[in-house]
PDB file of all heavy atoms in Angstrom:
ATOM      1  N   THR A   1     106.681 -56.448  82.997  1.00  0.00           N
ATOM      2  CA  THR A   1     106.890 -57.192  81.753  1.00  0.00           C
ATOM      3  C   THR A   1     107.159 -56.079  80.625  1.00  0.00           C
ATOM      4  O   THR A   1     108.136 -56.332  79.834  1.00  0.00           O
ATOM      5  CB  THR A   1     105.747 -58.037  81.370  1.00  0.00           C
ATOM      6  OG1 THR A   1     105.546 -59.019  82.440  1.00  0.00           O
ATOM      7  CG2 THR A   1     105.960 -58.855  80.099  1.00  0.00           C
ATOM      8  N   ALA A   2     106.437 -54.982  80.621  1.00  0.00           N
ATOM      9  CA  ALA A   2     106.666 -53.956  79.643  1.00  0.00           C
ATOM     10  C   ALA A   2     108.062 -53.430  79.739  1.00  0.00           C
ATOM     11  O   ALA A   2     108.707 -53.162  78.805  1.00  0.00           O
ATOM     12  CB  ALA A   2     105.646 -52.936  79.833  1.00  0.00           C
ATOM     13  N   ASP A   3     108.601 -53.280  81.028  1.00  0.00           N
ATOM     14  CA  ASP A   3     109.910 -52.776  81.255  1.00  0.00           C
ATOM     15  C   ASP A   3     110.859 -53.807  80.803  1.00  0.00           C
ATOM     16  O   ASP A   3     111.852 -53.377  80.104  1.00  0.00           O
ATOM     17  CB  ASP A   3     110.187 -52.531  82.794  1.00  0.00           C
ATOM     18  CG  ASP A   3     109.472 -51.303  83.288  1.00  0.00           C
ATOM     19  OD1 ASP A   3     109.107 -50.384  82.475  1.00  0.00           O
ATOM     20  OD2 ASP A   3     109.279 -51.206  84.514  1.00  0.00           O
ATOM     21  N   TYR A   4     110.626 -54.999  81.015  1.00  0.00           N
ATOM     22  CA  TYR A   4     111.502 -56.101  80.540  1.00  0.00           C
ATOM     23  C   TYR A   4     111.615 -56.123  78.998  1.00  0.00           C
ATOM     24  O   TYR A   4     112.642 -56.166  78.466  1.00  0.00           O
ATOM     25  CB  TYR A   4     110.927 -57.441  81.045  1.00  0.00           C
ATOM     26  CG  TYR A   4     111.533 -58.682  80.412  1.00  0.00           C
ATOM     27  CD1 TYR A   4     112.787 -59.167  80.779  1.00  0.00           C
ATOM     28  CD2 TYR A   4     110.786 -59.466  79.518  1.00  0.00           C
ATOM     29  CE1 TYR A   4     113.298 -60.354  80.239  1.00  0.00           C
ATOM     30  CE2 TYR A   4     111.249 -60.546  78.999  1.00  0.00           C
ATOM     31  CZ  TYR A   4     112.502 -61.128  79.293  1.00  0.00           C
ATOM     32  OH  TYR A   4     112.934 -62.237  78.786  1.00  0.00           O
ATOM     33  N   VAL A   5     110.523 -55.973  78.354  1.00  0.00           N
ATOM     34  CA  VAL A   5     110.405 -55.824  77.018  1.00  0.00           C
ATOM     35  C   VAL A   5     111.097 -54.605  76.391  1.00  0.00           C
ATOM     36  O   VAL A   5     111.879 -54.702  75.370  1.00  0.00           O
ATOM     37  CB  VAL A   5     108.965 -55.936  76.341  1.00  0.00           C
ATOM     38  CG1 VAL A   5     108.946 -55.753  74.902  1.00  0.00           C
ATOM     39  CG2 VAL A   5     108.414 -57.416  76.655  1.00  0.00           C
ATOM     40  N   ASN A   6     110.930 -53.531  77.041  1.00  0.00           N
ATOM     41  CA  ASN A   6     111.599 -52.285  76.539  1.00  0.00           C
ATOM     42  C   ASN A   6     113.106 -52.375  76.714  1.00  0.00           C
ATOM     43  O   ASN A   6     113.824 -51.768  75.879  1.00  0.00           O
ATOM     44  CB  ASN A   6     111.035 -51.088  77.358  1.00  0.00           C
ATOM     45  CG  ASN A   6     109.759 -50.555  76.815  1.00  0.00           C
ATOM     46  OD1 ASN A   6     109.573 -50.648  75.679  1.00  0.00           O
ATOM     47  ND2 ASN A   6     108.860 -50.161  77.715  1.00  0.00           N
ATOM     48  N   GLU A   7     113.635 -53.156  77.682  1.00  0.00           N
ATOM     49  CA  GLU A   7     115.091 -53.287  77.782  1.00  0.00           C
ATOM     50  C   GLU A   7     115.622 -54.035  76.598  1.00  0.00           C
ATOM     51  O   GLU A   7     116.772 -53.757  76.257  1.00  0.00           O
ATOM     52  CB  GLU A   7     115.363 -54.034  79.144  1.00  0.00           C
ATOM     53  CG  GLU A   7     115.207 -53.188  80.340  1.00  0.00           C
ATOM     54  CD  GLU A   7     115.379 -53.970  81.628  1.00  0.00           C
ATOM     55  OE1 GLU A   7     115.920 -55.095  81.612  1.00  0.00           O
ATOM     56  OE2 GLU A   7     114.996 -53.485  82.704  1.00  0.00           O
ATOM     57  N   LYS A   8     114.822 -54.862  76.140  1.00  0.00           N
ATOM     58  CA  LYS A   8     115.242 -55.687  74.894  1.00  0.00           C
ATOM     59  C   LYS A   8     115.299 -54.703  73.652  1.00  0.00           C
ATOM     60  O   LYS A   8     116.033 -55.051  72.625  1.00  0.00           O
ATOM     61  CB  LYS A   8     114.287 -56.887  74.606  1.00  0.00           C
ATOM     62  CG  LYS A   8     114.376 -57.911  75.651  1.00  0.00           C
ATOM     63  CD  LYS A   8     113.511 -59.143  75.497  1.00  0.00           C
ATOM     64  CE  LYS A   8     112.679 -59.258  74.281  1.00  0.00           C
ATOM     65  NZ  LYS A   8     111.772 -60.424  74.221  1.00  0.00           N
ATOM     66  N   PHE A   9     114.620 -53.607  73.746  1.00  0.00           N
ATOM     67  CA  PHE A   9     114.563 -52.698  72.517  1.00  0.00           C
ATOM     68  C   PHE A   9     115.936 -52.269  72.062  1.00  0.00           C
ATOM     69  O   PHE A   9     116.161 -52.153  70.900  1.00  0.00           O
ATOM     70  CB  PHE A   9     113.787 -51.429  72.832  1.00  0.00           C
ATOM     71  CG  PHE A   9     113.720 -50.423  71.848  1.00  0.00           C
ATOM     72  CD1 PHE A   9     113.460 -50.736  70.551  1.00  0.00           C
ATOM     73  CD2 PHE A   9     114.133 -49.192  72.142  1.00  0.00           C
ATOM     74  CE1 PHE A   9     113.373 -49.741  69.540  1.00  0.00           C
ATOM     75  CE2 PHE A   9     114.210 -48.191  71.174  1.00  0.00           C
ATOM     76  CZ  PHE A   9     113.853 -48.490  69.854  1.00  0.00           C
ATOM     77  N   ILE A  10     116.846 -51.946  73.001  1.00  0.00           N
ATOM     78  CA  ILE A  10     118.128 -51.508  72.566  1.00  0.00           C
ATOM     79  C   ILE A  10     118.857 -52.362  71.536  1.00  0.00           C
ATOM     80  O   ILE A  10     119.597 -51.921  70.679  1.00  0.00           O
ATOM     81  CB  ILE A  10     119.042 -51.222  73.820  1.00  0.00           C
ATOM     82  CG1 ILE A  10     120.254 -50.318  73.493  1.00  0.00           C
ATOM     83  CG2 ILE A  10     119.523 -52.517  74.419  1.00  0.00           C
ATOM     84  CD1 ILE A  10     119.859 -48.963  73.156  1.00  0.00           C
ATOM     85  N   SER A  11     118.565 -53.716  71.588  1.00  0.00           N
ATOM     86  CA  SER A  11     119.196 -54.570  70.616  1.00  0.00           C
ATOM     87  C   SER A  11     118.702 -54.277  69.193  1.00  0.00           C
ATOM     88  O   SER A  11     119.278 -54.796  68.267  1.00  0.00           O
ATOM     89  CB  SER A  11     118.843 -56.030  71.044  1.00  0.00           C
ATOM     90  OG  SER A  11     117.487 -56.361  70.886  1.00  0.00           O
ATOM     91  N   TYR A  12     117.657 -53.580  69.018  1.00  0.00           N
ATOM     92  CA  TYR A  12     117.107 -53.355  67.736  1.00  0.00           C
ATOM     93  C   TYR A  12     117.895 -52.258  66.957  1.00  0.00           C
ATOM     94  O   TYR A  12     117.705 -51.989  65.785  1.00  0.00           O
ATOM     95  CB  TYR A  12     115.607 -52.992  67.699  1.00  0.00           C
ATOM     96  CG  TYR A  12     114.724 -54.154  67.758  1.00  0.00           C
ATOM     97  CD1 TYR A  12     114.764 -55.015  68.859  1.00  0.00           C
ATOM     98  CD2 TYR A  12     113.910 -54.475  66.657  1.00  0.00           C
ATOM     99  CE1 TYR A  12     113.893 -56.083  68.913  1.00  0.00           C
ATOM    100  CE2 TYR A  12     113.028 -55.594  66.716  1.00  0.00           C
ATOM    101  CZ  TYR A  12     113.081 -56.362  67.869  1.00  0.00           C
ATOM    102  OH  TYR A  12     112.224 -57.540  67.841  1.00  0.00           O
ATOM    103  N   PHE A  13     118.723 -51.480  67.767  1.00  0.00           N
ATOM    104  CA  PHE A  13     119.564 -50.343  67.176  1.00  0.00           C
ATOM    105  C   PHE A  13     120.752 -50.815  66.662  1.00  0.00           C
ATOM    106  O   PHE A  13     121.465 -51.564  67.235  1.00  0.00           O
ATOM    107  CB  PHE A  13     119.702 -49.302  68.203  1.00  0.00           C
ATOM    108  CG  PHE A  13     118.599 -48.298  68.440  1.00  0.00           C
ATOM    109  CD1 PHE A  13     117.831 -48.315  69.465  1.00  0.00           C
ATOM    110  CD2 PHE A  13     118.563 -47.354  67.459  1.00  0.00           C
ATOM    111  CE1 PHE A  13     116.780 -47.392  69.546  1.00  0.00           C
ATOM    112  CE2 PHE A  13     117.483 -46.379  67.585  1.00  0.00           C
ATOM    113  CZ  PHE A  13     116.580 -46.486  68.647  1.00  0.00           C
ATOM    114  N   ASP A  14     121.164 -50.360  65.369  1.00  0.00           N
ATOM    115  CA  ASP A  14     122.452 -50.717  64.885  1.00  0.00           C
ATOM    116  C   ASP A  14     123.459 -49.755  65.284  1.00  0.00           C
ATOM    117  O   ASP A  14     124.595 -50.080  65.452  1.00  0.00           O
ATOM    118  CB  ASP A  14     122.351 -50.532  63.262  1.00  0.00           C
ATOM    119  CG  ASP A  14     121.358 -51.524  62.719  1.00  0.00           C
ATOM    120  OD1 ASP A  14     121.238 -52.631  63.215  1.00  0.00           O
ATOM    121  OD2 ASP A  14     120.871 -51.198  61.580  1.00  0.00           O
ATOM    122  N   LYS A  15     123.107 -48.572  65.568  1.00  0.00           N
ATOM    123  CA  LYS A  15     124.107 -47.494  65.934  1.00  0.00           C
ATOM    124  C   LYS A  15     124.456 -47.559  67.460  1.00  0.00           C
ATOM    125  O   LYS A  15     123.628 -47.975  68.269  1.00  0.00           O
ATOM    126  CB  LYS A  15     123.494 -46.081  65.724  1.00  0.00           C
ATOM    127  CG  LYS A  15     123.463 -45.733  64.233  1.00  0.00           C
ATOM    128  CD  LYS A  15     122.929 -44.435  64.044  1.00  0.00           C
ATOM    129  CE  LYS A  15     124.156 -43.463  63.900  1.00  0.00           C
ATOM    130  NZ  LYS A  15     123.776 -42.119  63.556  1.00  0.00           N
ATOM    131  N   ASP A  16     125.658 -47.119  67.825  1.00  0.00           N
ATOM    132  CA  ASP A  16     126.064 -46.986  69.097  1.00  0.00           C
ATOM    133  C   ASP A  16     125.241 -45.766  69.643  1.00  0.00           C
ATOM    134  O   ASP A  16     125.253 -44.691  69.035  1.00  0.00           O
ATOM    135  CB  ASP A  16     127.520 -46.675  69.117  1.00  0.00           C
ATOM    136  CG  ASP A  16     128.047 -46.409  70.518  1.00  0.00           C
ATOM    137  OD1 ASP A  16     127.844 -45.277  71.085  1.00  0.00           O
ATOM    138  OD2 ASP A  16     128.743 -47.352  71.046  1.00  0.00           O
ATOM    139  N   VAL A  17     124.613 -45.904  70.776  1.00  0.00           N
ATOM    140  CA  VAL A  17     123.765 -44.841  71.370  1.00  0.00           C
ATOM    141  C   VAL A  17     124.568 -43.476  71.703  1.00  0.00           C
ATOM    142  O   VAL A  17     124.151 -42.496  71.377  1.00  0.00           O
ATOM    143  CB  VAL A  17     123.088 -45.296  72.696  1.00  0.00           C
ATOM    144  CG1 VAL A  17     122.360 -44.191  73.290  1.00  0.00           C
ATOM    145  CG2 VAL A  17     122.140 -46.447  72.353  1.00  0.00           C
ATOM    146  N   ASN A  18     125.787 -43.709  72.191  1.00  0.00           N
ATOM    147  CA  ASN A  18     126.611 -42.482  72.397  1.00  0.00           C
ATOM    148  C   ASN A  18     126.940 -41.738  71.196  1.00  0.00           C
ATOM    149  O   ASN A  18     126.896 -40.542  71.156  1.00  0.00           O
ATOM    150  CB  ASN A  18     127.925 -42.895  73.151  1.00  0.00           C
ATOM    151  CG  ASN A  18     127.630 -43.322  74.630  1.00  0.00           C
ATOM    152  OD1 ASN A  18     126.693 -42.850  75.208  1.00  0.00           O
ATOM    153  ND2 ASN A  18     128.415 -44.237  75.027  1.00  0.00           N
ATOM    154  N   ASN A  19     127.278 -42.421  70.064  1.00  0.00           N
ATOM    155  CA  ASN A  19     127.490 -41.734  68.790  1.00  0.00           C
ATOM    156  C   ASN A  19     126.208 -41.042  68.306  1.00  0.00           C
ATOM    157  O   ASN A  19     126.287 -39.906  67.757  1.00  0.00           O
ATOM    158  CB  ASN A  19     127.831 -42.766  67.680  1.00  0.00           C
ATOM    159  CG  ASN A  19     129.295 -43.192  67.875  1.00  0.00           C
ATOM    160  OD1 ASN A  19     130.074 -42.593  68.602  1.00  0.00           O
ATOM    161  ND2 ASN A  19     129.566 -44.385  67.331  1.00  0.00           N
ATOM    162  N   PHE A  20     125.033 -41.703  68.519  1.00  0.00           N
ATOM    163  CA  PHE A  20     123.778 -40.991  68.131  1.00  0.00           C
ATOM    164  C   PHE A  20     123.566 -39.719  68.905  1.00  0.00           C
ATOM    165  O   PHE A  20     123.137 -38.715  68.361  1.00  0.00           O
ATOM    166  CB  PHE A  20     122.646 -42.044  68.348  1.00  0.00           C
ATOM    167  CG  PHE A  20     121.316 -41.525  68.058  1.00  0.00           C
ATOM    168  CD1 PHE A  20     120.864 -41.341  66.731  1.00  0.00           C
ATOM    169  CD2 PHE A  20     120.469 -41.148  69.113  1.00  0.00           C
ATOM    170  CE1 PHE A  20     119.705 -40.900  66.477  1.00  0.00           C
ATOM    171  CE2 PHE A  20     119.239 -40.652  68.882  1.00  0.00           C
ATOM    172  CZ  PHE A  20     118.811 -40.522  67.451  1.00  0.00           C
ATOM    173  N   ILE A  21     123.696 -39.714  70.186  1.00  0.00           N
ATOM    174  CA  ILE A  21     123.575 -38.556  71.015  1.00  0.00           C
ATOM    175  C   ILE A  21     124.551 -37.512  70.609  1.00  0.00           C
ATOM    176  O   ILE A  21     124.270 -36.289  70.526  1.00  0.00           O
ATOM    177  CB  ILE A  21     123.697 -38.951  72.556  1.00  0.00           C
ATOM    178  CG1 ILE A  21     122.469 -39.780  72.913  1.00  0.00           C
ATOM    179  CG2 ILE A  21     123.806 -37.727  73.395  1.00  0.00           C
ATOM    180  CD1 ILE A  21     122.665 -40.532  74.391  1.00  0.00           C
ATOM    181  N   GLU A  22     125.799 -37.888  70.341  1.00  0.00           N
ATOM    182  CA  GLU A  22     126.802 -36.923  69.893  1.00  0.00           C
ATOM    183  C   GLU A  22     126.427 -36.292  68.500  1.00  0.00           C
ATOM    184  O   GLU A  22     126.603 -35.117  68.257  1.00  0.00           O
ATOM    185  CB  GLU A  22     128.125 -37.600  69.793  1.00  0.00           C
ATOM    186  CG  GLU A  22     129.291 -36.600  69.520  1.00  0.00           C
ATOM    187  CD  GLU A  22     129.510 -35.579  70.597  1.00  0.00           C
ATOM    188  OE1 GLU A  22     129.189 -35.813  71.826  1.00  0.00           O
ATOM    189  OE2 GLU A  22     129.884 -34.440  70.276  1.00  0.00           O
ATOM    190  N   GLU A  23     125.861 -37.109  67.663  1.00  0.00           N
ATOM    191  CA  GLU A  23     125.388 -36.684  66.339  1.00  0.00           C
ATOM    192  C   GLU A  23     124.262 -35.527  66.482  1.00  0.00           C
ATOM    193  O   GLU A  23     124.333 -34.529  65.849  1.00  0.00           O
ATOM    194  CB  GLU A  23     124.708 -37.773  65.592  1.00  0.00           C
ATOM    195  CG  GLU A  23     124.489 -37.426  64.150  1.00  0.00           C
ATOM    196  CD  GLU A  23     123.960 -38.734  63.403  1.00  0.00           C
ATOM    197  OE1 GLU A  23     124.729 -39.624  63.301  1.00  0.00           O
ATOM    198  OE2 GLU A  23     122.787 -38.722  63.016  1.00  0.00           O
ATOM    199  N   ILE A  24     123.468 -35.670  67.484  1.00  0.00           N
ATOM    200  CA  ILE A  24     122.404 -34.671  67.769  1.00  0.00           C
ATOM    201  C   ILE A  24     123.124 -33.266  68.137  1.00  0.00           C
ATOM    202  O   ILE A  24     122.801 -32.223  67.710  1.00  0.00           O
ATOM    203  CB  ILE A  24     121.461 -35.026  68.905  1.00  0.00           C
ATOM    204  CG1 ILE A  24     120.595 -36.212  68.388  1.00  0.00           C
ATOM    205  CG2 ILE A  24     120.595 -33.876  69.425  1.00  0.00           C
ATOM    206  CD1 ILE A  24     119.641 -36.798  69.497  1.00  0.00           C
ATOM    207  N   LYS A  25     124.126 -33.379  68.903  1.00  0.00           N
ATOM    208  CA  LYS A  25     124.847 -32.177  69.369  1.00  0.00           C
ATOM    209  C   LYS A  25     125.648 -31.533  68.241  1.00  0.00           C
ATOM    210  O   LYS A  25     125.879 -30.271  68.250  1.00  0.00           O
ATOM    211  CB  LYS A  25     125.841 -32.532  70.486  1.00  0.00           C
ATOM    212  CG  LYS A  25     125.127 -32.984  71.761  1.00  0.00           C
ATOM    213  CD  LYS A  25     126.139 -33.470  72.778  1.00  0.00           C
ATOM    214  CE  LYS A  25     125.522 -34.022  74.013  1.00  0.00           C
ATOM    215  NZ  LYS A  25     126.529 -34.546  74.996  1.00  0.00           N
ATOM    216  N   THR A  26     126.093 -32.315  67.257  1.00  0.00           N
ATOM    217  CA  THR A  26     127.061 -31.732  66.239  1.00  0.00           C
ATOM    218  C   THR A  26     126.438 -31.601  64.908  1.00  0.00           C
ATOM    219  O   THR A  26     127.039 -30.928  64.043  1.00  0.00           O
ATOM    220  CB  THR A  26     128.280 -32.570  66.194  1.00  0.00           C
ATOM    221  OG1 THR A  26     127.909 -33.913  65.767  1.00  0.00           O
ATOM    222  CG2 THR A  26     129.058 -32.606  67.469  1.00  0.00           C
ATOM    223  N   SER A  27     125.290 -32.113  64.572  1.00  0.00           N
ATOM    224  CA  SER A  27     124.630 -32.005  63.247  1.00  0.00           C
ATOM    225  C   SER A  27     124.395 -30.526  62.916  1.00  0.00           C
ATOM    226  O   SER A  27     124.153 -29.669  63.818  1.00  0.00           O
ATOM    227  CB  SER A  27     123.372 -32.799  63.191  1.00  0.00           C
ATOM    228  OG  SER A  27     123.513 -34.169  63.384  1.00  0.00           O
ATOM    229  N   LYS A  28     124.356 -30.211  61.650  1.00  0.00           N
ATOM    230  CA  LYS A  28     123.908 -28.916  61.061  1.00  0.00           C
ATOM    231  C   LYS A  28     122.407 -28.907  61.478  1.00  0.00           C
ATOM    232  O   LYS A  28     121.663 -29.874  61.403  1.00  0.00           O
ATOM    233  CB  LYS A  28     123.989 -28.891  59.588  1.00  0.00           C
ATOM    234  CG  LYS A  28     125.508 -28.868  59.145  1.00  0.00           C
ATOM    235  CD  LYS A  28     125.494 -28.681  57.697  1.00  0.00           C
ATOM    236  CE  LYS A  28     126.859 -29.136  57.033  1.00  0.00           C
ATOM    237  NZ  LYS A  28     126.763 -29.191  55.554  1.00  0.00           N
ATOM    238  N   LEU A  29     121.894 -27.690  61.783  1.00  0.00           N
ATOM    239  CA  LEU A  29     120.523 -27.524  62.145  1.00  0.00           C
ATOM    240  C   LEU A  29     119.575 -27.988  61.021  1.00  0.00           C
ATOM    241  O   LEU A  29     118.492 -28.509  61.246  1.00  0.00           O
ATOM    242  CB  LEU A  29     120.231 -26.061  62.516  1.00  0.00           C
ATOM    243  CG  LEU A  29     120.571 -25.645  63.954  1.00  0.00           C
ATOM    244  CD1 LEU A  29     120.225 -24.152  64.214  1.00  0.00           C
ATOM    245  CD2 LEU A  29     120.111 -26.471  65.071  1.00  0.00           C
ATOM    246  N   GLU A  30     119.935 -27.707  59.845  1.00  0.00           N
ATOM    247  CA  GLU A  30     119.077 -28.101  58.646  1.00  0.00           C
ATOM    248  C   GLU A  30     118.977 -29.544  58.513  1.00  0.00           C
ATOM    249  O   GLU A  30     118.042 -30.097  57.969  1.00  0.00           O
ATOM    250  CB  GLU A  30     119.475 -27.462  57.361  1.00  0.00           C
ATOM    251  CG  GLU A  30     120.906 -27.793  56.886  1.00  0.00           C
ATOM    252  CD  GLU A  30     122.016 -26.844  57.277  1.00  0.00           C
ATOM    253  OE1 GLU A  30     121.613 -25.901  58.138  1.00  0.00           O
ATOM    254  OE2 GLU A  30     123.079 -26.875  56.796  1.00  0.00           O
ATOM    255  N   ASP A  31     119.866 -30.383  59.197  1.00  0.00           N
ATOM    256  CA  ASP A  31     119.903 -31.793  59.035  1.00  0.00           C
ATOM    257  C   ASP A  31     119.285 -32.454  60.282  1.00  0.00           C
ATOM    258  O   ASP A  31     119.017 -33.628  60.334  1.00  0.00           O
ATOM    259  CB  ASP A  31     121.334 -32.345  58.849  1.00  0.00           C
ATOM    260  CG  ASP A  31     121.914 -32.035  57.625  1.00  0.00           C
ATOM    261  OD1 ASP A  31     121.213 -31.703  56.632  1.00  0.00           O
ATOM    262  OD2 ASP A  31     123.255 -31.914  57.627  1.00  0.00           O
ATOM    263  N   LEU A  32     118.900 -31.663  61.284  1.00  0.00           N
ATOM    264  CA  LEU A  32     118.475 -32.149  62.565  1.00  0.00           C
ATOM    265  C   LEU A  32     116.889 -32.296  62.608  1.00  0.00           C
ATOM    266  O   LEU A  32     116.254 -31.212  62.280  1.00  0.00           O
ATOM    267  CB  LEU A  32     118.986 -31.151  63.701  1.00  0.00           C
ATOM    268  CG  LEU A  32     118.896 -31.651  65.062  1.00  0.00           C
ATOM    269  CD1 LEU A  32     119.788 -32.977  65.277  1.00  0.00           C
ATOM    270  CD2 LEU A  32     119.557 -30.541  66.013  1.00  0.00           C
TER     271      LEU A  32
END
C-alpha cells in the first residue's frame, strides 16, 4: 500500500521529471 501511495506521488509534481534532472546537470553551482 505504501508503494501504491508513493506511485501516486508523481502527480503532485508540476515539472517534467526529465527537465528537473537535466536542470541539476546544467545549473550553476551557486544555484544548486
